[in-house]
C-alpha atoms as a PDB file:
ATOM      1  CA  MET A   1      55.594 104.725  65.232  1.00  0.00           C
ATOM      2  CA  ALA A   2      53.968 105.202  61.853  1.00  0.00           C
ATOM      3  CA  ASN A   3      52.592 108.573  60.893  1.00  0.00           C
ATOM      4  CA  LEU A   4      48.791 108.416  61.295  1.00  0.00           C
ATOM      5  CA  ILE A   5      48.108 111.458  59.134  1.00  0.00           C
ATOM      6  CA  PRO A   6      48.480 111.039  55.365  1.00  0.00           C
ATOM      7  CA  TRP A   7      50.387 113.600  53.360  1.00  0.00           C
ATOM      8  CA  GLU A   8      47.925 116.131  52.059  1.00  0.00           C
ATOM      9  CA  PRO A   9      49.803 118.591  49.803  1.00  0.00           C
ATOM     10  CA  PHE A  10      47.040 121.208  49.752  1.00  0.00           C
ATOM     11  CA  ARG A  11      46.831 121.125  53.540  1.00  0.00           C
ATOM     12  CA  ASP A  12      50.618 121.712  53.657  1.00  0.00           C
ATOM     13  CA  MET A  13      50.115 124.824  51.552  1.00  0.00           C
ATOM     14  CA  LEU A  14      47.552 126.053  54.069  1.00  0.00           C
ATOM     15  CA  ASP A  15      50.081 125.440  56.862  1.00  0.00           C
ATOM     16  CA  ILE A  16      52.610 127.575  54.967  1.00  0.00           C
ATOM     17  CA  GLU A  17      49.966 130.291  54.595  1.00  0.00           C
ATOM     18  CA  THR A  18      49.359 130.172  58.363  1.00  0.00           C
ATOM     19  CA  ILE A  19      53.107 130.498  59.085  1.00  0.00           C
ATOM     20  CA  PHE A  20      53.347 133.556  56.839  1.00  0.00           C
ATOM     21  CA  ASP A  21      50.262 135.105  58.416  1.00  0.00           C
ATOM     22  CA  ARG A  22      51.686 134.616  61.913  1.00  0.00           C
ATOM     23  CA  PHE A  23      55.053 136.017  60.864  1.00  0.00           C
ATOM     24  CA  PHE A  24      53.444 139.102  59.369  1.00  0.00           C
ATOM     25  CA  GLY A  25      50.916 139.508  62.200  1.00  0.00           C
ATOM     26  CA  GLY A  26      47.832 138.006  60.562  1.00  0.00           C
ATOM     27  CA  GLY A  27      47.118 135.276  63.130  1.00  0.00           C
ATOM     28  CA  LEU A  28      44.534 133.371  61.083  1.00  0.00           C
ATOM     29  CA  SER A  29      42.127 131.006  62.747  1.00  0.00           C
ATOM     30  CA  ARG A  30      42.727 127.328  61.966  1.00  0.00           C
ATOM     31  CA  LEU A  31      39.139 126.922  60.835  1.00  0.00           C
ATOM     32  CA  ARG A  32      39.021 129.986  58.596  1.00  0.00           C
ATOM     33  CA  PRO A  33      37.399 129.045  55.307  1.00  0.00           C
ATOM     34  CA  ARG A  34      39.822 129.158  52.399  1.00  0.00           C
ATOM     35  CA  LEU A  35      39.555 128.804  48.668  1.00  0.00           C
ATOM     36  CA  GLY A  36      40.404 125.308  47.573  1.00  0.00           C
ATOM     37  CA  LEU A  37      40.630 123.753  44.157  1.00  0.00           C
ATOM     38  CA  PHE A  38      38.126 125.173  41.690  1.00  0.00           C
ATOM     39  CA  GLY A  39      37.334 128.069  44.050  1.00  0.00           C
ATOM     40  CA  ALA A  40      35.293 126.055  46.564  1.00  0.00           C
ATOM     41  CA  LYS A  41      35.605 127.054  50.218  1.00  0.00           C
ATOM     42  CA  PHE A  42      36.641 124.343  52.656  1.00  0.00           C
ATOM     43  CA  TRP A  43      37.868 123.759  56.191  1.00  0.00           C
ATOM     44  CA  SER A  44      39.228 120.779  58.037  1.00  0.00           C
ATOM     45  CA  PRO A  45      38.137 119.587  61.493  1.00  0.00           C
ATOM     46  CA  ALA A  46      40.723 118.875  64.187  1.00  0.00           C
ATOM     47  CA  VAL A  47      40.945 115.182  65.129  1.00  0.00           C
ATOM     48  CA  GLU A  48      42.420 112.883  67.752  1.00  0.00           C
ATOM     49  CA  VAL A  49      43.207 109.255  66.968  1.00  0.00           C
ATOM     50  CA  TYR A  50      44.185 106.889  69.744  1.00  0.00           C
ATOM     51  CA  ASP A  51      44.442 103.189  70.469  1.00  0.00           C
ATOM     52  CA  GLU A  52      42.413 101.288  73.008  1.00  0.00           C
ATOM     53  CA  LYS A  53      43.235  97.645  73.605  1.00  0.00           C
ATOM     54  CA  ASP A  54      40.625  96.235  71.225  1.00  0.00           C
ATOM     55  CA  HIS A  55      39.613  99.269  69.165  1.00  0.00           C
ATOM     56  CA  ILE A  56      40.784 102.542  67.624  1.00  0.00           C
ATOM     57  CA  VAL A  57      39.038 105.752  68.704  1.00  0.00           C
ATOM     58  CA  VAL A  58      38.738 108.830  66.495  1.00  0.00           C
ATOM     59  CA  LYS A  59      37.349 112.104  67.844  1.00  0.00           C
ATOM     60  CA  ALA A  60      36.628 115.007  65.504  1.00  0.00           C
ATOM     61  CA  GLU A  61      35.612 118.567  66.411  1.00  0.00           C
ATOM     62  CA  LEU A  62      32.501 119.472  64.431  1.00  0.00           C
ATOM     63  CA  PRO A  63      30.913 122.372  66.321  1.00  0.00           C
ATOM     64  CA  GLY A  64      27.538 123.614  65.188  1.00  0.00           C
ATOM     65  CA  ILE A  65      26.954 120.838  62.657  1.00  0.00           C
ATOM     66  CA  ASP A  66      23.735 118.843  62.641  1.00  0.00           C
ATOM     67  CA  LYS A  67      24.456 115.114  62.800  1.00  0.00           C
ATOM     68  CA  LYS A  68      22.288 114.545  59.706  1.00  0.00           C
ATOM     69  CA  ASP A  69      24.893 116.592  57.769  1.00  0.00           C
ATOM     70  CA  ILE A  70      27.782 114.245  58.738  1.00  0.00           C
ATOM     71  CA  LYS A  71      28.748 111.095  56.849  1.00  0.00           C
ATOM     72  CA  VAL A  72      31.285 108.543  58.135  1.00  0.00           C
ATOM     73  CA  SER A  73      32.594 105.652  56.042  1.00  0.00           C
ATOM     74  CA  VAL A  74      35.386 103.075  56.063  1.00  0.00           C
ATOM     75  CA  ASP A  75      36.924 101.814  52.834  1.00  0.00           C
ATOM     76  CA  GLY A  76      39.779  99.364  53.282  1.00  0.00           C
ATOM     77  CA  ASN A  77      42.049 100.989  55.853  1.00  0.00           C
ATOM     78  CA  ILE A  78      40.810 104.555  55.209  1.00  0.00           C
ATOM     79  CA  LEU A  79      38.309 106.356  57.445  1.00  0.00           C
ATOM     80  CA  SER A  80      36.433 109.222  55.778  1.00  0.00           C
ATOM     81  CA  ILE A  81      34.488 111.958  57.530  1.00  0.00           C
ATOM     82  CA  LYS A  82      32.597 114.475  55.445  1.00  0.00           C
ATOM     83  CA  GLY A  83      29.813 116.938  55.853  1.00  0.00           C
ATOM     84  CA  GLU A  84      28.748 120.516  55.646  1.00  0.00           C
ATOM     85  CA  THR A  85      28.117 123.401  58.004  1.00  0.00           C
ATOM     86  CA  ARG A  86      25.677 126.131  57.074  1.00  0.00           C
ATOM     87  CA  LYS A  87      24.820 129.570  58.345  1.00  0.00           C
ATOM     88  CA  ALA A  88      21.648 129.529  60.436  1.00  0.00           C
ATOM     89  CA  LYS A  89      20.346 132.688  58.792  1.00  0.00           C
ATOM     90  CA  GLU A  90      21.574 134.922  56.050  1.00  0.00           C
ATOM     91  CA  VAL A  91      23.422 138.013  57.242  1.00  0.00           C
ATOM     92  CA  ASN A  92      24.721 140.610  54.818  1.00  0.00           C
ATOM     93  CA  GLU A  93      28.504 140.799  54.748  1.00  0.00           C
ATOM     94  CA  LYS A  94      28.325 144.559  55.267  1.00  0.00           C
ATOM     95  CA  ASP A  95      26.629 143.921  58.659  1.00  0.00           C
ATOM     96  CA  TYR A  96      29.551 141.868  60.010  1.00  0.00           C
ATOM     97  CA  TYR A  97      32.161 143.372  62.290  1.00  0.00           C
ATOM     98  CA  TYR A  98      34.235 140.208  62.399  1.00  0.00           C
ATOM     99  CA  SER A  99      33.770 136.510  61.590  1.00  0.00           C
ATOM    100  CA  GLU A 100      36.167 133.560  61.949  1.00  0.00           C
ATOM    101  CA  ARG A 101      33.556 130.812  61.706  1.00  0.00           C
ATOM    102  CA  ALA A 102      33.936 128.418  58.828  1.00  0.00           C
ATOM    103  CA  TYR A 103      31.021 127.472  56.614  1.00  0.00           C
ATOM    104  CA  GLY A 104      30.819 125.040  53.764  1.00  0.00           C
ATOM    105  CA  GLY A 105      31.782 121.474  53.107  1.00  0.00           C
ATOM    106  CA  PHE A 106      34.620 119.491  54.599  1.00  0.00           C
ATOM    107  CA  TYR A 107      36.188 116.135  53.841  1.00  0.00           C
ATOM    108  CA  ARG A 108      38.777 114.455  56.030  1.00  0.00           C
ATOM    109  CA  THR A 109      40.428 111.090  55.415  1.00  0.00           C
ATOM    110  CA  LEU A 110      42.550 109.217  57.922  1.00  0.00           C
ATOM    111  CA  PRO A 111      44.551 106.029  57.375  1.00  0.00           C
ATOM    112  CA  LEU A 112      43.798 103.411  60.009  1.00  0.00           C
ATOM    113  CA  PRO A 113      46.879 101.872  61.660  1.00  0.00           C
ATOM    114  CA  VAL A 114      45.335  98.376  61.820  1.00  0.00           C
ATOM    115  CA  ALA A 115      42.578  96.390  60.114  1.00  0.00           C
ATOM    116  CA  VAL A 116      39.123  96.991  61.594  1.00  0.00           C
ATOM    117  CA  GLU A 117      35.774  95.218  61.513  1.00  0.00           C
ATOM    118  CA  LYS A 118      33.778  97.621  59.332  1.00  0.00           C
ATOM    119  CA  GLU A 119      30.419  96.081  60.243  1.00  0.00           C
ATOM    120  CA  LYS A 120      30.943  96.849  63.952  1.00  0.00           C
ATOM    121  CA  VAL A 121      32.063 100.493  63.694  1.00  0.00           C
ATOM    122  CA  LYS A 122      30.042 102.817  65.943  1.00  0.00           C
ATOM    123  CA  ALA A 123      29.751 106.592  65.754  1.00  0.00           C
ATOM    124  CA  SER A 124      28.168 109.024  68.183  1.00  0.00           C
ATOM    125  CA  TYR A 125      27.856 112.801  68.174  1.00  0.00           C
ATOM    126  CA  LYS A 126      27.496 114.944  71.282  1.00  0.00           C
ATOM    127  CA  ASP A 127      28.332 118.566  72.098  1.00  0.00           C
ATOM    128  CA  GLY A 128      30.068 119.122  68.754  1.00  0.00           C
ATOM    129  CA  ILE A 129      32.373 116.087  69.097  1.00  0.00           C
ATOM    130  CA  LEU A 130      32.045 113.136  66.731  1.00  0.00           C
ATOM    131  CA  THR A 131      33.374 109.954  68.362  1.00  0.00           C
ATOM    132  CA  ILE A 132      34.038 106.920  66.184  1.00  0.00           C
ATOM    133  CA  GLU A 133      34.935 103.540  67.694  1.00  0.00           C
ATOM    134  CA  LEU A 134      36.534 101.131  65.236  1.00  0.00           C
ATOM    135  CA  PRO A 135      36.875  97.575  66.596  1.00  0.00           C
ATOM    136  CA  LYS A 136      40.144  95.974  65.573  1.00  0.00           C
ATOM    137  CA  SER A 137      39.905  92.819  63.509  1.00  0.00           C
ATOM    138  CA  GLU A 138      40.630  89.578  65.340  1.00  0.00           C
ATOM    139  CA  GLU A 139      43.939  89.297  63.479  1.00  0.00           C
ATOM    140  CA  ALA A 140      44.980  92.844  64.510  1.00  0.00           C
ATOM    141  CA  VAL A 141      44.115  92.226  68.180  1.00  0.00           C
ATOM    142  CA  SER A 142      45.975  88.925  68.271  1.00  0.00           C
ATOM    143  CA  LYS A 143      49.154  90.356  66.686  1.00  0.00           C
ATOM    144  CA  GLU A 144      50.622  91.256  70.065  1.00  0.00           C
ATOM    145  CA  THR A 145      52.212  88.314  71.821  1.00  0.00           C
ATOM    146  CA  ASP A 146      53.742  88.456  75.267  1.00  0.00           C
ATOM    147  CA  ILE A 147      57.212  86.934  75.308  1.00  0.00           C
ATOM    148  CA  GLN A 148      58.569  85.280  78.400  1.00  0.00           C
ATOM    149  CA  ILE A 149      61.867  86.814  79.480  1.00  0.00           C
ATOM    150  CA  GLU A 150      64.456  84.313  80.690  1.00  0.00           C
END
């Protein structure tokens, strides 16, 4: 089975940071905002990608994000999900006891395992879960052929 997640070198560095934090007792949250390139904070939503008979389904966890702040696009065989989460009201940092919530922009790209019909892609958002249904192209659906066993 092909790897569905592309190699993202900066994400690998974050995984190494998480391993060190766990080893030394830090226990960072997966969604903790971190400094990325050029000092911008970012986080990455957790996703599930699975195959239905005639379409691919992608589910992404985007808690607390307004659907107007989410953009989904397909370019070739790459699905992109991007958006931004904002604080509801400004709270002074000195007033916090503890915060693990991530704020700021995110951008996630996923390679699609088969060709899809871009014009028929559907996305819905409910209870913090973005669900994207990507219909397989006719050629991708018809690739599987049952072979008679003698």
